[in-house]
Protein backbone atom coordinates (compact mmCIF):
# COMPACT_ATOMS: atom_id res chain seq x y z
CA UNK A 1 36.45 -38.01 41.32
CA UNK A 2 34.51 -35.16 42.88
CA UNK A 3 36.64 -32.72 40.87
CA UNK A 4 35.75 -34.53 37.62
CA UNK A 5 32.06 -34.52 38.56
CA UNK A 6 32.10 -30.75 39.27
CA UNK A 7 33.93 -30.12 36.00
CA UNK A 8 31.23 -32.04 34.10
CA UNK A 9 28.45 -30.05 35.79
CA UNK A 10 30.19 -26.73 34.99
CA UNK A 11 30.70 -27.83 31.38
CA UNK A 12 27.03 -28.80 30.99
CA UNK A 13 25.87 -25.52 32.55
CA UNK A 14 28.12 -23.48 30.29
CA UNK A 15 26.98 -25.37 27.21
CA UNK A 16 23.34 -24.99 28.22
CA UNK A 17 23.73 -21.25 28.83
CA UNK A 18 25.28 -20.81 25.39
CA UNK A 19 22.40 -22.73 23.79
CA UNK A 20 19.81 -20.74 25.76
CA UNK A 21 21.49 -17.53 24.63
CA UNK A 22 21.34 -18.66 21.02
CA UNK A 23 17.72 -19.78 21.42
CA UNK A 24 16.86 -16.41 22.95
CA UNK A 25 17.90 -14.73 19.69
CA UNK A 26 15.53 -16.98 17.78
CA UNK A 27 12.73 -16.25 20.26
CA UNK A 28 13.22 -12.49 19.90
CA UNK A 29 13.14 -12.73 16.09
CA UNK A 30 10.09 -14.98 16.25
CA UNK A 31 8.14 -12.71 18.60
CA UNK A 32 9.00 -9.54 16.67
CA UNK A 33 7.55 -11.09 13.51
CA UNK A 34 4.65 -13.16 14.77
CA UNK A 35 3.12 -10.87 17.40
CA UNK A 36 2.35 -8.52 14.54
CA UNK A 37 1.00 -11.33 12.34
CA UNK A 38 -1.34 -12.68 15.03
CA UNK A 39 -2.61 -9.24 16.13
CA UNK A 40 -3.11 -8.02 12.55
CA UNK A 41 -4.95 -11.19 11.58
CA UNK A 42 -7.35 -10.77 14.52
CA UNK A 43 -7.72 -7.07 13.76
CA UNK A 44 -8.47 -7.78 10.10
CA UNK A 45 -11.20 -10.24 11.13
CA UNK A 46 -12.72 -7.84 13.67
CA UNK A 47 -12.67 -4.80 11.35
CA UNK A 48 -15.97 -3.34 10.18
CA UNK A 49 -16.31 -0.56 7.57
CA UNK A 50 -18.25 2.62 8.25
CA UNK A 51 -21.92 1.90 7.45
CA UNK A 52 -23.71 4.01 4.85
CA UNK A 53 -26.04 6.46 6.56
CA UNK A 54 -29.68 6.63 5.50
CA UNK A 55 -29.43 10.41 5.48
CA UNK A 56 -25.77 11.17 4.76
CA UNK A 57 -24.44 14.67 5.24
CA UNK A 58 -21.87 14.07 2.48
CA UNK A 59 -23.13 12.83 -0.89
CA UNK A 60 -21.81 12.41 -4.42
CA UNK A 61 -22.85 16.01 -5.16
CA UNK A 62 -20.18 17.14 -2.67
CA UNK A 63 -17.37 15.48 -4.63
CA UNK A 64 -15.01 16.68 -7.34
CA UNK A 65 -12.97 13.93 -8.99
CA UNK A 66 -9.52 14.87 -10.29
CA UNK A 67 -7.88 12.62 -12.88
CA UNK A 68 -4.30 13.52 -13.86
CA UNK A 69 -3.23 11.76 -17.05
CA UNK A 70 -0.32 11.63 -19.47
CA UNK A 71 -1.54 8.44 -21.12
CA UNK A 72 -3.04 7.65 -24.49
CA UNK A 73 -6.42 9.04 -23.36
CA UNK A 74 -8.33 7.73 -26.38
CA UNK A 75 -8.18 4.12 -25.20
CA UNK A 76 -10.52 1.57 -23.64
CA UNK A 77 -9.17 1.93 -20.08
CA UNK A 78 -9.48 5.71 -19.85
CA UNK A 79 -12.95 5.63 -21.39
CA UNK A 80 -14.04 2.99 -18.87
CA UNK A 81 -12.57 5.07 -16.05
CA UNK A 82 -14.68 8.04 -17.15
CA UNK A 83 -17.84 6.01 -17.63
CA UNK A 84 -17.67 4.28 -14.23
CA UNK A 85 -17.00 7.58 -12.45
CA UNK A 86 -19.84 9.28 -14.33
CA UNK A 87 -22.16 6.48 -13.21
CA UNK A 88 -21.51 7.57 -9.60
CA UNK A 89 -22.69 11.14 -10.35
CA UNK A 90 -20.04 13.34 -8.69
CA UNK A 91 -20.52 17.09 -8.94
CA UNK A 92 -17.56 17.52 -11.29
CA UNK A 93 -14.74 15.65 -12.98
CA UNK A 94 -11.53 17.54 -13.71
CA UNK A 95 -9.16 15.90 -16.18
CA UNK A 96 -5.71 17.47 -16.19
CA UNK A 97 -3.41 16.44 -19.02
CA UNK A 98 -0.28 17.80 -20.74
CA UNK A 99 0.08 19.88 -23.90
CA UNK A 100 -2.37 21.21 -26.48
CA UNK A 101 -2.63 17.96 -28.44
CA UNK A 102 -3.67 15.86 -25.43
CA UNK A 103 -5.94 18.68 -24.25
CA UNK A 104 -7.95 18.54 -27.50
CA UNK A 105 -8.05 14.74 -27.39
CA UNK A 106 -9.19 14.70 -23.76
CA UNK A 107 -11.97 17.20 -24.49
CA UNK A 108 -13.24 15.03 -27.34
CA UNK A 109 -13.11 11.77 -25.36
CA UNK A 110 -14.77 13.34 -22.29
CA UNK A 111 -17.54 14.81 -24.44
CA UNK A 112 -18.17 11.43 -26.07
CA UNK A 113 -18.30 9.58 -22.74
CA UNK A 114 -20.57 12.23 -21.22
CA UNK A 115 -22.93 11.85 -24.18
CA UNK A 116 -22.97 8.04 -23.74
CA UNK A 117 -23.71 8.44 -20.02
CA UNK A 118 -26.60 10.79 -20.81
CA UNK A 119 -28.16 8.16 -23.09
CA UNK A 120 -28.32 5.77 -20.12
CA UNK A 121 -29.60 8.37 -17.67
CA UNK A 122 -29.40 12.10 -17.25
CA UNK A 123 -26.14 12.97 -15.51
CA UNK A 124 -25.65 16.17 -13.51
CA UNK A 125 -21.84 15.77 -13.57
CA UNK A 126 -19.83 18.58 -15.11
CA UNK A 127 -16.58 17.67 -16.86
CA UNK A 128 -13.72 20.18 -17.06
CA UNK A 129 -10.54 19.47 -19.05
CA UNK A 130 -7.36 21.46 -18.41
CA UNK A 131 -3.68 21.07 -19.24
CA UNK A 132 -0.23 22.18 -18.19
CA UNK A 133 2.90 22.30 -20.31
CA UNK A 134 5.12 19.77 -18.50
CA UNK A 135 4.19 16.26 -17.39
CA UNK A 136 4.25 16.24 -13.57
CA UNK A 137 1.57 14.55 -11.49
CA UNK A 138 2.03 16.93 -8.56
CA UNK A 139 1.80 20.00 -10.78
CA UNK A 140 -1.21 18.58 -12.60
CA UNK A 141 -3.02 17.87 -9.32
CA UNK A 142 -2.12 21.24 -7.84
CA UNK A 143 -3.41 23.01 -10.97
CA UNK A 144 -6.68 21.06 -10.86
CA UNK A 145 -7.17 21.75 -7.15
CA UNK A 146 -7.53 25.46 -7.91
CA UNK A 147 -10.84 24.74 -9.67
CA UNK A 148 -12.42 22.66 -6.89
CA UNK A 149 -15.61 24.13 -5.39
CA UNK A 150 -16.90 21.13 -3.46
CA UNK A 151 -16.15 20.02 0.12
CA UNK A 152 -14.62 16.67 -0.89
CA UNK A 153 -11.93 15.91 -3.48
CA UNK A 154 -11.39 12.46 -4.99
CA UNK A 155 -8.03 11.80 -6.61
CA UNK A 156 -8.14 8.98 -9.16
CA UNK A 157 -5.73 7.36 -11.58
CA UNK A 158 -6.61 7.22 -15.27
CA UNK A 159 -7.08 3.43 -15.24
CA UNK A 160 -9.34 2.74 -12.24
CA UNK A 161 -12.84 1.36 -12.43
CA UNK A 162 -15.58 2.09 -9.88
CA UNK A 163 -18.66 0.07 -9.05
CA UNK A 164 -22.11 1.65 -9.18
CA UNK A 165 -22.20 2.26 -5.39
CA UNK A 166 -18.52 3.02 -4.96
CA UNK A 167 -18.90 6.72 -4.20
CA UNK A 168 -21.74 6.20 -1.73
CA UNK A 169 -19.81 3.56 0.25
CA UNK A 170 -16.50 5.44 0.18
CA UNK A 171 -17.99 8.69 1.52
CA UNK A 172 -19.54 7.04 4.61
CA UNK A 173 -16.53 7.71 6.92
CA UNK A 174 -16.87 11.48 6.34
CA UNK A 175 -19.90 11.43 8.62
CA UNK A 176 -17.19 11.68 11.30
CA UNK A 177 -16.02 15.32 11.11
CA UNK A 178 -12.59 14.33 12.46
CA UNK A 179 -11.83 12.15 9.43
CA UNK A 180 -10.09 14.07 6.66
CA UNK A 181 -8.85 11.31 4.35
CA UNK A 182 -10.34 8.00 3.23
CA UNK A 183 -8.54 5.23 1.36
CA UNK A 184 -10.40 2.52 -0.52
CA UNK A 185 -10.06 -1.18 -1.12
CA UNK A 186 -8.20 -2.11 -4.33
CA UNK A 187 -8.22 -5.14 -6.59
CA UNK A 188 -6.30 -5.90 -9.75
CA UNK A 189 -8.29 -7.43 -12.56
CA UNK A 190 -7.14 -11.02 -12.79
CA UNK A 191 -6.34 -12.34 -16.23
CA UNK A 192 -7.61 -15.85 -17.11
CA UNK A 193 -5.24 -18.40 -15.60
CA UNK A 194 -2.44 -19.85 -17.70
CA UNK A 195 1.13 -20.83 -16.95
CA UNK A 196 3.08 -17.89 -18.36
CA UNK A 197 5.37 -15.20 -17.02
CA UNK A 198 2.97 -12.29 -17.83
CA UNK A 199 0.14 -14.20 -16.14
CA UNK A 200 2.30 -14.85 -13.09
CA UNK A 201 3.20 -11.14 -12.85
CA UNK A 202 -0.49 -10.28 -13.00
CA UNK A 203 -1.02 -12.75 -10.12
CA UNK A 204 1.83 -11.11 -8.15
CA UNK A 205 0.32 -7.67 -8.81
CA UNK A 206 -3.05 -8.89 -7.51
CA UNK A 207 -1.43 -9.94 -4.26
CA UNK A 208 0.66 -6.76 -4.02
CA UNK A 209 -2.58 -4.83 -3.59
CA UNK A 210 -4.16 -7.61 -1.54
CA UNK A 211 -1.33 -7.35 1.00
CA UNK A 212 -1.70 -3.55 1.05
CA UNK A 213 -5.44 -3.91 1.74
CA UNK A 214 -4.72 -6.31 4.60
CA UNK A 215 -2.14 -4.06 6.31
CA UNK A 216 -4.28 -0.93 5.99
CA UNK A 217 -7.42 -2.68 7.22
CA UNK A 218 -5.67 -4.23 10.22
CA UNK A 219 -3.75 -1.14 11.32
CA UNK A 220 -6.64 1.31 10.95
CA UNK A 221 -8.78 -0.84 13.26
CA UNK A 222 -6.12 -0.81 16.00
CA UNK A 223 -4.94 2.80 16.14
CA UNK A 224 -6.62 4.42 13.11
CA UNK A 225 -3.33 4.47 11.25
CA UNK A 226 -2.87 4.07 7.50
CA UNK A 227 0.74 4.38 6.38
CA UNK A 228 -0.37 5.59 2.94
CA UNK A 229 -3.71 6.39 1.33
CA UNK A 230 -3.15 5.09 -2.18
CA UNK A 231 -3.76 7.64 -4.91
CA UNK A 232 -5.32 5.04 -7.20
CA UNK A 233 -8.50 6.39 -5.63
CA UNK A 234 -8.51 8.42 -2.44
CA UNK A 235 -10.80 11.01 -0.85
CA UNK A 236 -9.83 14.16 1.08
CA UNK A 237 -11.64 17.11 2.57
CA UNK A 238 -10.97 20.15 0.39
CA UNK A 239 -10.07 22.12 3.52
CA UNK A 240 -6.81 20.15 3.69
CA UNK A 241 -5.70 21.55 0.34
CA UNK A 242 -6.56 25.07 1.46
CA UNK A 243 -4.18 24.87 4.43
CA UNK A 244 -1.63 27.73 4.31
CA UNK A 245 1.30 25.28 4.36
CA UNK A 246 -0.03 22.97 1.66
CA UNK A 247 1.61 24.49 -1.42
CA UNK A 248 5.05 24.60 0.17
CA UNK A 249 4.85 21.05 1.55
CA UNK A 250 3.33 19.53 -1.59
CA UNK A 251 5.18 21.32 -4.35
CA UNK A 252 8.59 21.62 -2.70
CA UNK A 253 9.08 18.36 -0.82
CA UNK A 254 12.66 17.20 -0.28
CA UNK A 255 14.32 14.35 1.60
CA UNK A 256 17.50 13.76 3.59
CA UNK A 257 17.94 17.36 4.81
CA UNK A 258 17.18 18.74 1.36
CA UNK A 259 19.91 16.76 -0.40
CA UNK A 260 17.40 14.71 -2.42
CA UNK A 261 14.81 16.49 -4.55
CA UNK A 262 16.16 20.01 -4.37
CA UNK A 263 13.60 21.12 -6.97
CA UNK A 264 10.75 19.21 -5.36
CA UNK A 265 9.57 15.60 -5.75
CA UNK A 266 7.49 14.18 -8.57
CA UNK A 267 7.04 10.84 -6.78
CA UNK A 268 5.87 9.99 -3.24
CA UNK A 269 2.85 12.31 -3.45
CA UNK A 270 0.44 9.78 -1.90
CA UNK A 271 2.63 9.44 1.19
CA UNK A 272 3.09 13.20 1.50
CA UNK A 273 -0.67 13.80 1.39
CA UNK A 274 -1.26 11.12 4.04
CA UNK A 275 1.39 12.60 6.36
CA UNK A 276 0.12 16.13 5.75
CA UNK A 277 -3.46 15.16 6.58
CA UNK A 278 -2.50 13.56 9.90
CA UNK A 279 0.50 15.62 11.01
CA UNK A 280 -0.18 19.17 9.82
CA UNK A 281 -3.90 19.39 9.02
CA UNK A 282 -4.63 17.36 12.21
CA UNK A 283 -7.29 15.09 10.74
CA UNK A 284 -7.71 11.38 11.19
CA UNK A 285 -7.73 8.97 8.26
CA UNK A 286 -9.68 5.81 7.53
CA UNK A 287 -9.46 2.81 5.22
CA UNK A 288 -12.88 1.79 3.92
CA UNK A 289 -12.80 -1.91 3.09
CA UNK A 290 -16.11 -3.24 1.82
CA UNK A 291 -17.37 -4.82 -1.42
CA UNK A 292 -19.03 -1.56 -2.51
CA UNK A 293 -15.93 0.55 -1.75
CA UNK A 294 -13.67 -1.68 -3.83
CA UNK A 295 -12.18 -0.21 -7.00
CA UNK A 296 -10.50 -2.21 -9.75
CA UNK A 297 -7.42 -1.50 -11.79
CA UNK A 298 -4.98 -3.13 -14.22
CA UNK A 299 -1.46 -3.96 -13.07
CA UNK A 300 1.39 -6.37 -13.70
CA UNK A 301 2.49 -5.55 -17.24
CA UNK A 302 5.98 -7.09 -17.69
CA UNK A 303 7.52 -3.97 -19.23
CA UNK A 304 6.36 -1.75 -16.35
CA UNK A 305 5.86 -3.81 -13.21
CA UNK A 306 9.47 -4.13 -12.04
CA UNK A 307 10.04 -0.39 -12.54
CA UNK A 308 6.89 0.28 -10.55
CA UNK A 309 8.08 -1.96 -7.73
CA UNK A 310 11.41 -0.12 -7.64
CA UNK A 311 9.56 3.19 -7.29
CA UNK A 312 7.12 1.93 -4.65
CA UNK A 313 9.85 0.42 -2.48
CA UNK A 314 12.10 3.49 -2.71
CA UNK A 315 9.07 5.50 -1.61
CA UNK A 316 8.60 3.18 1.38
CA UNK A 317 12.23 3.62 2.50
CA UNK A 318 11.99 7.41 2.18
CA UNK A 319 8.51 7.97 3.51
CA UNK A 320 8.68 5.65 6.53
CA UNK A 321 11.96 7.20 7.66
CA UNK A 322 10.44 10.66 7.19
CA UNK A 323 7.35 9.69 9.22
CA UNK A 324 9.42 8.36 12.12
CA UNK A 325 12.36 10.74 12.30
CA UNK A 326 11.25 14.01 10.70
CA UNK A 327 7.47 14.23 10.98
CA UNK A 328 7.34 12.04 14.15
CA UNK A 329 3.53 12.08 14.29
CA UNK A 330 3.22 8.26 14.40
CA UNK A 331 5.08 8.16 17.75
CA UNK A 332 2.34 10.34 19.26
CA UNK A 333 -0.81 9.03 17.59
CA UNK A 334 -0.05 5.55 16.20
CA UNK A 335 2.09 3.66 18.75
CA UNK A 336 1.13 0.20 17.53
CA UNK A 337 1.84 1.07 13.91
CA UNK A 338 5.27 2.43 14.81
CA UNK A 339 6.21 -1.16 15.60
CA UNK A 340 3.93 -3.10 13.25
CA UNK A 341 4.20 -0.94 10.13
CA UNK A 342 7.06 1.56 10.19
CA UNK A 343 9.84 -0.25 12.07
CA UNK A 344 8.82 -3.62 10.65
CA UNK A 345 9.17 -2.30 7.11
CA UNK A 346 12.89 -1.74 7.70
CA UNK A 347 13.51 -5.42 8.50
CA UNK A 348 10.81 -6.98 6.33
CA UNK A 349 13.28 -8.78 4.09
CA UNK A 350 11.87 -12.30 4.05
CA UNK A 351 14.93 -13.97 2.55
CA UNK A 352 17.27 -12.75 5.28
CA UNK A 353 14.75 -12.76 8.14
CA UNK A 354 13.67 -16.36 7.56
CA UNK A 355 17.29 -17.50 7.26
CA UNK A 356 18.08 -15.72 10.55
CA UNK A 357 15.08 -17.37 12.25
CA UNK A 358 16.01 -20.88 11.11
CA UNK A 359 19.73 -20.43 11.76
CA UNK A 360 19.35 -19.10 15.30
CA UNK A 361 16.84 -21.83 16.11
CA UNK A 362 19.20 -24.51 14.76
CA UNK A 363 22.15 -23.29 16.82
CA UNK A 364 19.92 -22.80 19.85
CA UNK A 365 18.79 -26.41 19.72
CA UNK A 366 22.24 -27.82 18.92
CA UNK A 367 24.04 -29.64 21.72
CA UNK A 368 27.32 -31.58 21.70
CA UNK A 369 25.74 -34.23 23.99
CA UNK A 370 22.52 -34.73 22.02
CA UNK A 371 20.93 -38.18 22.12
CA UNK A 372 19.18 -39.51 18.96
CA UNK A 373 15.72 -38.69 20.36
CA UNK A 374 16.89 -35.11 21.07
CA UNK A 375 18.08 -34.78 17.46
CA UNK A 376 14.68 -36.02 16.31
CA UNK A 377 12.94 -33.40 18.49
CA UNK A 378 15.21 -30.69 17.07
CA UNK A 379 14.28 -31.67 13.51
CA UNK A 380 10.59 -31.62 14.45
CA UNK A 381 10.99 -28.14 15.92
CA UNK A 382 12.71 -26.88 12.77
CA UNK A 383 9.98 -28.38 10.57
CA UNK A 384 7.31 -26.81 12.79
CA UNK A 385 8.89 -23.39 12.28
CA UNK A 386 8.98 -23.95 8.51
CA UNK A 387 5.27 -24.83 8.61
CA UNK A 388 4.47 -21.72 10.68
CA UNK A 389 6.39 -19.56 8.20
CA UNK A 390 4.47 -21.10 5.31
CA UNK A 391 1.09 -20.54 6.98
CA UNK A 392 2.02 -16.93 7.78
CA UNK A 393 2.76 -16.30 4.11
CA UNK A 394 -0.69 -17.57 3.12
CA UNK A 395 -2.73 -15.28 5.38
CA UNK A 396 -2.68 -12.08 3.32
CA UNK A 397 -3.31 -13.63 -0.12
CA UNK A 398 -6.09 -15.89 1.23
CA UNK A 399 -8.94 -13.65 -0.09
CA UNK A 400 -7.35 -13.78 -3.55
CA UNK A 401 -7.05 -17.57 -3.48
CA UNK A 402 -10.66 -17.78 -2.33
CA UNK A 403 -11.73 -15.82 -5.42
CA UNK A 404 -9.21 -17.51 -7.74
CA UNK A 405 -8.61 -21.08 -6.52
CA UNK A 406 -6.61 -22.10 -9.61
CA UNK A 407 -3.95 -19.57 -8.60
CA UNK A 408 -2.98 -21.90 -5.75
CA UNK A 409 -0.83 -23.67 -8.34
CA UNK A 410 1.38 -20.57 -8.20
CA UNK A 411 2.02 -20.87 -4.44
CA UNK A 412 5.59 -22.27 -4.68
CA UNK A 413 6.55 -19.55 -7.15
CA UNK A 414 4.78 -16.93 -5.01
CA UNK A 415 6.97 -17.86 -2.03
CA UNK A 416 10.13 -17.82 -4.17
CA UNK A 417 9.15 -14.41 -5.55
CA UNK A 418 8.73 -13.18 -1.98
CA UNK A 419 12.36 -14.07 -1.31
CA UNK A 420 13.45 -12.48 -4.59
CA UNK A 421 11.51 -9.37 -3.54
CA UNK A 422 13.95 -9.01 -0.62
CA UNK A 423 16.71 -8.43 -3.18
CA UNK A 424 14.53 -5.85 -4.94
CA UNK A 425 14.12 -4.08 -1.58
CA UNK A 426 17.88 -4.03 -1.11
CA UNK A 427 18.37 -2.63 -4.59
CA UNK A 428 15.77 0.05 -3.83
CA UNK A 429 17.62 0.94 -0.61
CA UNK A 430 20.90 1.35 -2.47
CA UNK A 431 19.17 3.55 -5.08
CA UNK A 432 16.88 5.38 -2.65
CA UNK A 433 18.04 8.77 -3.90
CA UNK A 434 16.58 8.09 -7.36
CA UNK A 435 13.33 10.06 -7.59
CA UNK A 436 12.38 9.60 -11.23
CA UNK A 437 9.01 8.12 -12.10
CA UNK A 438 10.56 5.20 -13.97
CA UNK A 439 7.50 3.62 -15.56
CA UNK A 440 6.28 6.83 -17.23
CA UNK A 441 8.87 8.30 -19.62
CA UNK A 442 8.80 12.09 -19.71
CA UNK A 443 7.05 12.48 -16.36
CA UNK A 444 8.97 14.59 -13.87
């Protein structure tokens, strides 16, 4: 009898230890994911942008805006880009395009927009138009940088739209002489709501940038880290581009011990500039998130968006591995972001991570001697985790839903797309050596 009793106790202890071991796996997965979510949410709420000084040492007259373009040029978006930048009165705008035909077209369009701006108010901004022979964003930017004579350079896409106080608000962080690069808040122009695939992609594109804004805002408040200053509109001190190592690093970047990009990269330039600013030029960076420092863009076109996502995610795989294992600066200056941004990006595959969380929790709670009330408690625990996962997925897009409440009808499809995005990330990992632009034919 005593022997049977001892055997039962041993069996129960062994079973319990197995369940605890399985539950421990779920706890580790849960903590790895949700410590970051809780801390970043608090950080996002506590963040405050640099205030605009009454007597700033850096003004719009200290800024040269560079716009590389291979687009149509004579279209509504490019004209609006020029007009909104002109309204901010930078010292100079340099448009760098490709080929003689686009050069002549760009000169005409720029002259027309400058004339329109002058009718509204006298503008001191000089516009210079240059061209190179081959379409390459890096080569276009590098060519334009040779003409810069101001202390600050703004790099802008050819389809971004600034508010009237955008430049004033975005320059505020440069009052700190240690800051060398400033990223800005980004929003996609939301199309009027309707149930359609193009409209849904526009909604997804809005939240792509919304999530980026959230991560950059939260991480910069904690350890002044921004994993990438997006080139849609970004500001740098000109001194960074005059660094003796800049040309080699920028024009001849490779990856994976030189096996990828033997002739230099065309893509990943935003990430390279961010790493260079922090790691080599030894400046700090900042993300300026305020209503006035918010720029707008268009994104989510069905024929381009999936190609763009492929390129962005390949860049993330390459750049984050470079930052951690080659550059290694984040280990020294951004300890929190090593965990919350860089390492997390390698396992941020929602489809597989959520399955792992739910599976390990299920097996951790499972017991061969469960009573009905214990089964009920296990189901409640599983449902609680599902609810927590749902809430966590709603945090980053919350500002978008606040501005566009009708888009809440897309929530189920948004969550499903998030799981599908995990497969896109896997595809990008398997094709990580592809360094073509993808969405811009002819661009190298």
